[in-house]
Amino acid sequence: MDSVRSDVGGRMRGEVAIVRYTGNVGVDDRDTLSIEEPLEIRVNAESLTVTMRSPGDDFDLAAGLLYAEGLIRSASDLLVMKMDKDPANPERDNTLLTAIRISHRGAASASARSFVSASSCGVCGKRDIASIRCAAAPLPDSEFKVSARALYGLSGQMRDAQQVFARTGGLHAAALFDQTGSLLSLREDIGRHNAVDKLIGAELLASRVPLDNRIMMISGRASFEILQKTAVARLPILCAVSAPSSMAVRMARDLNITLVGFLRGETMNVYSQAERIVH
């Protein structure tokens, strides 16, 4: 019988029966999979989004999403956050209720942003092309610099800390590092955008934003949506294991963010604001 196990941070992996083949020989075996389930986030009694995610760190995910979308500006704008549990209806376990302070223009637009998103989606629910432009201002020039040697150590630390990925091979990660390249925190999810929201949301709830003296690294590619979340959190350096998109590069240059791609071992491509990286 298939089962779901419990992991640190939530119910993120499960086992299923499979037939494993080597050549023409198949044998019964078990495989560990990443769990993907829907999460409905309701804001002030209205449904904002249904997102596919890996269960766990759901409060961080909701806080990060609301922060990235401009619906809240700080943790103090989050008045209530709780799961809508109902013993008679297990489906309600995947509904998260929030109440936010309506104190600025962005918060008032919550009802207009209702959408359904996949775990890979970061612009679902945007009403037009103009609305996908990042509202964050460019980062100011600062003395924040890191060594190339410090960046070369990020990917190994991130991979070593990915407990669920090690078992499933199916989760993305977002990790936060200090100026010396030391790992501070990490979140995993089946979606890249969700992993970033969980990471930034955790910092928001701990009152540690803006993150203007931190480095973020993500598994996979760097897209426009990831750059948008980076800019809102005021992160000066974003590193990715894979390639950036053309829009991500343009956005990084416009917003004064150092964007690093293909960071693997001791190689990397720097696409913008290379002056923050020193030898």
Foldseek 3Di string as FASTA:
>chain_A
DKFFDADVQGGFKTKDWDWDDDVHDTDIDIAIATDWDWAFEAEPNHTQEIEIKGDGLVQLLVQLLCLLQVLDVFLVQWPDWDQPDDPVDRVSNRYIYTYGDPDDDSNVCRNQQRFYYYLADQCTRQDDPVSLDFPFAAFDDDLQAAALVLLLPQVVVQVVPPPSCVRHVQKKKKWKAFRSNHTDDMAIMNHQLSRLSSVLSVCRNVVNALPQGMEMEIEDEAESSNLSSCRSSNHQEYEYLAYYDPVSLVSCANRNHWYWYNSHNSDIDTRHDCVRYDD
